[in-house]
Amino acid sequence: MIRLHLDNESLRSIRLALSPLWETLGSLALFARYRGAVPSPYASWMHYARRSVQPEVMGPLLDLTRRQEAAFLKRAYAYIPDPSRTTLSAELNFLRQDGNTPGEEQLVDLLEQYWHGAIGPYWNSIRTSLEEEVLFRARTLAVGGPEAMLAELGGRVHWQRPTLTAPYHLDLTRSVARAQLVLIPSVFSGGTRMFTVNEPTIAMSYQARASGFLPLVADTKSDEESKDRLALLIGTGRARIMRALEMPKTTTAVAQSLGLAKSTVSQHLAVLTSAELVWRQRLGGRVFYQLDHSGFALLEQLGD
């Protein structure tokens, strides 16, 4: 149980923020907790995610999530969400500023691949729900004040002046004086409650109102991709890269055009080159990639 004793100044400084990273970690915690069936409303989402995220991505991430030994994951759990960082890439890039080892950079790539498979197709639905939640709470905060807003949070979060209590896997009691409390609404709060302190800021997740009945509907783009024969054959990431290589491009150019990590693109290009679907040519200090004859033929047959 978390018990936060808030002074008046801390009450007046409460704010709300969204965090794609916290949603990602919460959803991973659901996988780590439930090896089989999961409670509503996550069942259809988890069924989709299990089919969409490759085992070589999911396996290491779940192992690290359960052990919580990776330094980068520790930094991620200690991260304080900020309204200036509204995408997963922005949050991961902020955490990268501390400097990563090659192993940690690989973990970042795994998180990004997991996001694109499990969260990205649903993000419009999730983000809309969370933005509505923030607007609703902000109105209560402006009209009724912070205590009225805290009293209505629900999700087993309770306010009785001066103490805010919430379920947690550890027993924590803390006096919060002249500090800022950041509340993060979460759709995937069923996985874990996020809580972190970085003086003078404290951040805590809570269950968004829509979480109990939110229909996690995948974007139309995801439905189209499920009919993509090329993606079914070689994977969505490699199919996207093949379509980007009708003209020669460097790894950096492909990564920027598709919004993927450069290391992820490099791994896919290595496989496509080995399969002789893509050729590789060094010109000066740069390496260019383009579809080979067999790659063009495959794209012509299955790419529409």
Protein backbone atom coordinates (compact mmCIF):
# COMPACT_ATOMS: atom_id res chain seq x y z
CA MET A 1 0.00 0.00 0.00
CA ILE A 2 1.16 3.54 -0.83
CA ARG A 3 0.33 6.27 1.69
CA LEU A 4 1.17 9.82 0.67
CA HIS A 5 0.64 12.57 3.25
CA LEU A 6 0.27 15.74 1.18
CA ASP A 7 0.76 19.27 2.45
CA ASN A 8 -1.21 22.20 1.01
CA GLU A 9 1.55 23.33 -1.34
CA SER A 10 1.86 19.84 -2.84
CA LEU A 11 -1.90 19.65 -3.25
CA ARG A 12 -1.87 22.88 -5.25
CA SER A 13 0.90 21.64 -7.56
CA ILE A 14 -0.79 18.42 -8.75
CA ARG A 15 -0.72 17.92 -12.51
CA LEU A 16 -1.59 15.16 -15.00
CA ALA A 17 0.43 13.71 -17.85
CA LEU A 18 0.36 10.84 -20.34
CA SER A 19 3.14 8.33 -20.91
CA PRO A 20 3.38 5.80 -23.78
CA LEU A 21 6.36 4.29 -21.94
CA TRP A 22 4.32 3.67 -18.78
CA GLU A 23 1.56 2.12 -20.90
CA THR A 24 4.16 -0.15 -22.50
CA LEU A 25 5.58 -1.24 -19.15
CA GLY A 26 2.09 -1.78 -17.74
CA SER A 27 1.09 -3.96 -20.67
CA LEU A 28 4.28 -6.02 -20.33
CA ALA A 29 3.46 -6.52 -16.65
CA LEU A 30 0.11 -8.02 -17.73
CA PHE A 31 1.96 -10.59 -19.82
CA ALA A 32 4.32 -11.30 -16.93
CA ARG A 33 1.44 -11.77 -14.48
CA TYR A 34 -0.99 -13.76 -16.64
CA ARG A 35 0.49 -16.68 -18.56
CA GLY A 36 -2.98 -17.78 -19.71
CA ALA A 37 -6.34 -16.00 -19.74
CA VAL A 38 -6.46 -12.37 -18.60
CA PRO A 39 -9.37 -10.39 -17.12
CA SER A 40 -11.58 -8.04 -19.12
CA PRO A 41 -11.02 -5.76 -21.00
CA TYR A 42 -7.57 -7.03 -21.98
CA ALA A 43 -8.43 -10.48 -23.39
CA SER A 44 -8.89 -9.50 -27.05
CA TRP A 45 -5.87 -7.20 -26.94
CA MET A 46 -3.63 -9.89 -25.46
CA HIS A 47 -4.82 -12.44 -28.02
CA TYR A 48 -3.82 -10.02 -30.77
CA ALA A 49 -0.52 -9.07 -29.15
CA ARG A 50 0.53 -12.70 -28.66
CA ARG A 51 0.11 -13.25 -32.39
CA SER A 52 1.70 -9.95 -33.42
CA VAL A 53 4.87 -9.87 -31.32
CA GLN A 54 7.54 -12.35 -32.33
CA PRO A 55 8.70 -14.85 -29.64
CA GLU A 56 12.30 -13.63 -29.93
CA VAL A 57 11.04 -10.20 -28.86
CA MET A 58 8.47 -11.20 -26.25
CA GLY A 59 10.56 -13.87 -24.52
CA PRO A 60 13.56 -11.69 -23.52
CA LEU A 61 11.32 -8.76 -22.56
CA LEU A 62 9.16 -10.88 -20.25
CA ASP A 63 12.24 -12.45 -18.69
CA LEU A 64 13.73 -9.03 -17.99
CA THR A 65 10.38 -7.68 -16.76
CA ARG A 66 10.01 -10.51 -14.24
CA ARG A 67 13.61 -10.22 -13.00
CA GLN A 68 13.81 -6.41 -13.24
CA GLU A 69 17.61 -6.53 -13.30
CA ALA A 70 18.35 -4.59 -16.49
CA ALA A 71 19.75 -1.14 -15.77
CA PHE A 72 17.74 0.46 -18.60
CA LEU A 73 14.49 -1.04 -17.30
CA LYS A 74 15.29 0.29 -13.84
CA ARG A 75 15.69 3.75 -15.38
CA ALA A 76 12.44 3.28 -17.28
CA TYR A 77 10.53 2.40 -14.10
CA ALA A 78 12.10 5.43 -12.39
CA TYR A 79 11.21 7.75 -15.29
CA ILE A 80 9.03 10.79 -14.53
CA PRO A 81 6.62 11.39 -17.46
CA ASP A 82 6.62 14.88 -18.90
CA PRO A 83 4.06 16.60 -21.20
CA SER A 84 6.89 17.64 -23.53
CA ARG A 85 7.53 13.97 -24.38
CA THR A 86 4.35 12.56 -25.93
CA THR A 87 5.71 9.59 -27.92
CA LEU A 88 7.50 6.42 -26.94
CA SER A 89 10.48 7.42 -29.10
CA ALA A 90 10.80 10.76 -27.29
CA GLU A 91 10.71 9.03 -23.90
CA LEU A 92 13.23 6.37 -24.89
CA ASN A 93 15.53 9.00 -26.41
CA PHE A 94 15.37 10.93 -23.13
CA LEU A 95 16.42 7.80 -21.22
CA ARG A 96 19.18 7.19 -23.77
CA GLN A 97 20.84 10.44 -22.69
CA ASP A 98 22.36 8.59 -19.75
CA GLY A 99 24.30 6.47 -22.24
CA ASN A 100 23.53 2.85 -23.00
CA THR A 101 25.68 -0.23 -23.30
CA PRO A 102 25.21 -2.35 -26.47
CA GLY A 103 23.01 -4.71 -24.43
CA GLU A 104 20.80 -1.85 -23.31
CA GLU A 105 20.51 -0.53 -26.86
CA GLN A 106 19.28 -3.98 -27.87
CA LEU A 107 16.70 -3.79 -25.07
CA VAL A 108 15.50 -0.42 -26.43
CA ASP A 109 15.07 -2.04 -29.84
CA LEU A 110 13.06 -4.88 -28.27
CA LEU A 111 10.79 -2.36 -26.55
CA GLU A 112 10.24 -0.52 -29.84
CA GLN A 113 9.45 -3.77 -31.69
CA TYR A 114 7.07 -4.77 -28.92
CA TRP A 115 5.38 -1.36 -29.10
CA HIS A 116 4.85 -1.59 -32.87
CA GLY A 117 3.34 -5.05 -32.55
CA ALA A 118 1.31 -4.84 -29.33
CA ILE A 119 0.52 -1.18 -28.58
CA GLY A 120 0.91 0.83 -31.79
CA PRO A 121 -2.15 -0.62 -33.59
CA TYR A 122 -4.30 0.34 -30.59
CA TRP A 123 -2.63 3.63 -29.72
CA ASN A 124 -5.21 5.92 -31.33
CA SER A 125 -7.93 4.29 -29.23
CA ILE A 126 -5.80 4.36 -26.07
CA ARG A 127 -4.55 7.92 -26.54
CA THR A 128 -8.06 9.24 -27.19
CA SER A 129 -9.30 7.61 -24.01
CA LEU A 130 -6.42 8.97 -21.94
CA GLU A 131 -6.72 12.48 -23.38
CA GLU A 132 -10.41 12.50 -22.50
CA GLU A 133 -9.49 11.32 -19.01
CA VAL A 134 -7.00 14.16 -18.55
CA LEU A 135 -9.54 16.74 -19.75
CA PHE A 136 -12.17 15.36 -17.37
CA ARG A 137 -9.82 15.42 -14.37
CA ALA A 138 -8.49 18.86 -15.33
CA ARG A 139 -12.03 20.27 -15.31
CA THR A 140 -12.66 18.81 -11.86
CA LEU A 141 -9.32 20.20 -10.70
CA ALA A 142 -10.16 23.67 -12.02
CA VAL A 143 -13.74 23.79 -10.73
CA GLY A 144 -13.68 21.71 -7.54
CA GLY A 145 -10.02 21.91 -6.57
CA PRO A 146 -7.40 19.18 -6.05
CA GLU A 147 -9.19 17.44 -3.18
CA ALA A 148 -12.36 16.99 -5.24
CA MET A 149 -10.30 15.57 -8.08
CA LEU A 150 -8.41 13.15 -5.82
CA ALA A 151 -11.65 11.98 -4.18
CA GLU A 152 -13.04 10.94 -7.58
CA LEU A 153 -10.02 9.02 -8.92
CA GLY A 154 -11.49 5.61 -8.08
CA GLY A 155 -9.63 2.43 -9.04
CA ARG A 156 -9.00 1.69 -5.34
CA VAL A 157 -7.25 5.05 -4.94
CA HIS A 158 -8.65 6.87 -1.90
CA TRP A 159 -8.29 10.40 -0.58
CA GLN A 160 -8.92 11.33 3.06
CA ARG A 161 -7.21 14.56 3.93
CA PRO A 162 -4.24 14.69 4.15
CA THR A 163 -3.55 11.11 2.94
CA LEU A 164 -3.75 9.60 -0.54
CA THR A 165 -3.68 5.77 -0.48
CA ALA A 166 -3.37 3.28 -3.33
CA PRO A 167 -2.66 -0.48 -3.60
CA TYR A 168 0.98 -1.31 -4.26
CA HIS A 169 3.24 -4.35 -4.08
CA LEU A 170 5.35 -2.61 -1.40
CA ASP A 171 4.31 -0.88 1.81
CA LEU A 172 5.32 2.77 1.48
CA THR A 173 4.47 5.75 3.67
CA ARG A 174 5.81 9.14 2.65
CA SER A 175 5.30 12.74 3.70
CA VAL A 176 5.06 14.95 0.63
CA ALA A 177 5.99 18.55 1.43
CA ARG A 178 6.59 21.32 -1.11
CA ALA A 179 6.69 18.73 -3.88
CA GLN A 180 4.87 18.12 -7.15
CA LEU A 181 2.60 15.09 -7.59
CA VAL A 182 2.18 13.94 -11.20
CA LEU A 183 -0.76 11.60 -11.81
CA ILE A 184 -0.61 9.37 -14.89
CA PRO A 185 -3.88 7.82 -16.09
CA SER A 186 -3.31 4.35 -17.49
CA VAL A 187 -5.32 1.88 -19.55
CA PHE A 188 -2.96 -0.96 -18.63
CA SER A 189 -3.05 -0.29 -14.90
CA GLY A 190 -4.17 -3.89 -14.42
CA GLY A 191 -0.56 -4.90 -15.01
CA THR A 192 1.20 -2.83 -12.39
CA ARG A 193 0.95 0.46 -10.56
CA MET A 194 3.82 2.70 -11.54
CA PHE A 195 5.28 4.84 -8.75
CA THR A 196 8.54 6.75 -8.74
CA VAL A 197 10.19 9.59 -6.87
CA ASN A 198 12.71 12.08 -8.21
CA GLU A 199 12.79 14.95 -5.73
CA PRO A 200 10.93 17.24 -5.75
CA THR A 201 8.59 15.28 -8.06
CA ILE A 202 6.54 12.17 -7.35
CA ALA A 203 4.70 10.32 -10.13
CA MET A 204 2.03 7.65 -9.76
CA SER A 205 -0.24 5.89 -12.22
CA TYR A 206 -3.92 5.27 -11.65
CA GLN A 207 -6.63 3.43 -13.55
CA ALA A 208 -8.30 5.63 -16.15
CA ARG A 209 -12.09 5.67 -16.00
CA ALA A 210 -12.43 3.95 -19.37
CA SER A 211 -10.13 1.05 -18.44
CA GLY A 212 -12.97 -1.11 -17.14
CA PHE A 213 -14.94 -1.06 -20.39
CA LEU A 214 -12.57 0.28 -23.01
CA PRO A 215 -12.97 -1.57 -26.33
CA LEU A 216 -9.35 -1.84 -27.43
CA VAL A 217 -9.95 -1.54 -31.16
CA ALA A 218 -7.03 -1.83 -33.54
CA ASP A 219 -6.55 0.88 -36.17
CA THR A 220 -7.79 0.23 -39.70
CA LYS A 221 -4.18 0.14 -40.82
CA SER A 222 -3.63 -2.93 -38.67
CA ASP A 223 -6.58 -4.69 -40.37
CA GLU A 224 -5.07 -3.90 -43.75
CA GLU A 225 -1.71 -5.22 -42.64
CA SER A 226 -3.31 -8.49 -41.53
CA LYS A 227 -4.31 -8.97 -45.21
CA ASP A 228 -0.83 -8.04 -46.42
CA ARG A 229 0.49 -11.24 -48.03
CA LEU A 230 4.07 -9.97 -48.12
CA ALA A 231 3.94 -9.14 -44.39
CA LEU A 232 2.47 -12.56 -43.62
CA LEU A 233 5.38 -14.17 -45.45
CA ILE A 234 8.37 -12.18 -44.19
CA GLY A 235 6.99 -10.07 -41.31
CA THR A 236 5.55 -6.56 -41.16
CA GLY A 237 8.90 -4.83 -40.47
CA ARG A 238 10.72 -6.42 -43.39
CA ALA A 239 7.76 -5.87 -45.72
CA ARG A 240 7.79 -2.14 -44.86
CA ILE A 241 11.53 -1.97 -45.48
CA MET A 242 11.25 -3.75 -48.85
CA ARG A 243 8.61 -1.24 -49.98
CA ALA A 244 10.94 1.60 -48.95
CA LEU A 245 13.79 0.26 -51.10
CA GLU A 246 12.42 0.70 -54.61
CA MET A 247 15.02 3.49 -54.77
CA PRO A 248 18.49 3.16 -53.15
CA LYS A 249 18.62 4.32 -49.53
CA THR A 250 21.02 4.21 -46.61
CA THR A 251 20.10 2.51 -43.34
CA THR A 252 19.62 5.93 -41.74
CA ALA A 253 17.30 7.10 -44.51
CA VAL A 254 15.15 3.97 -44.24
CA ALA A 255 14.97 4.29 -40.45
CA GLN A 256 13.93 7.95 -40.65
CA SER A 257 11.31 7.35 -43.35
CA LEU A 258 9.67 4.49 -41.42
CA GLY A 259 10.14 5.81 -37.89
CA LEU A 260 12.13 2.74 -36.81
CA ALA A 261 15.32 2.40 -34.79
CA LYS A 262 18.43 2.30 -36.99
CA SER A 263 19.61 -0.92 -35.33
CA THR A 264 16.25 -2.57 -36.03
CA VAL A 265 16.47 -1.61 -39.71
CA SER A 266 20.06 -2.93 -39.84
CA GLN A 267 18.95 -6.33 -38.53
CA HIS A 268 16.16 -6.59 -41.09
CA LEU A 269 18.45 -5.46 -43.92
CA ALA A 270 20.99 -8.13 -42.98
CA VAL A 271 18.32 -10.83 -43.33
CA LEU A 272 16.95 -9.42 -46.59
CA THR A 273 20.46 -9.16 -48.05
CA SER A 274 21.28 -12.75 -47.05
CA ALA A 275 18.07 -13.88 -48.75
CA GLU A 276 19.21 -11.99 -51.91
CA LEU A 277 16.08 -9.86 -51.91
CA VAL A 278 18.15 -6.69 -51.39
CA TRP A 279 21.57 -5.73 -52.71
CA ARG A 280 24.18 -3.75 -50.78
CA GLN A 281 26.57 -1.24 -52.35
CA ARG A 282 29.16 1.00 -50.67
CA LEU A 283 29.65 4.41 -52.27
CA GLY A 284 32.34 6.47 -50.57
CA GLY A 285 31.65 6.48 -46.86
CA ARG A 286 28.01 5.39 -47.16
CA VAL A 287 26.29 2.07 -47.79
CA PHE A 288 23.17 1.97 -49.95
CA TYR A 289 20.51 -0.73 -50.19
CA GLN A 290 17.98 -1.40 -52.94
CA LEU A 291 15.69 -4.23 -53.96
CA ASP A 292 17.40 -6.91 -56.06
CA HIS A 293 15.64 -8.57 -59.04
CA SER A 294 14.13 -11.25 -56.80
CA GLY A 295 13.01 -8.57 -54.36
CA PHE A 296 11.23 -6.63 -57.08
CA ALA A 297 9.60 -9.86 -58.29
CA LEU A 298 8.38 -10.74 -54.80
CA LEU A 299 7.05 -7.24 -54.24
CA GLU A 300 5.25 -7.35 -57.59
CA GLN A 301 3.61 -10.68 -56.75
CA LEU A 302 2.69 -10.07 -53.09
CA GLY A 303 3.21 -6.38 -52.40
CA ASP A 304 -0.18 -4.96 -53.36
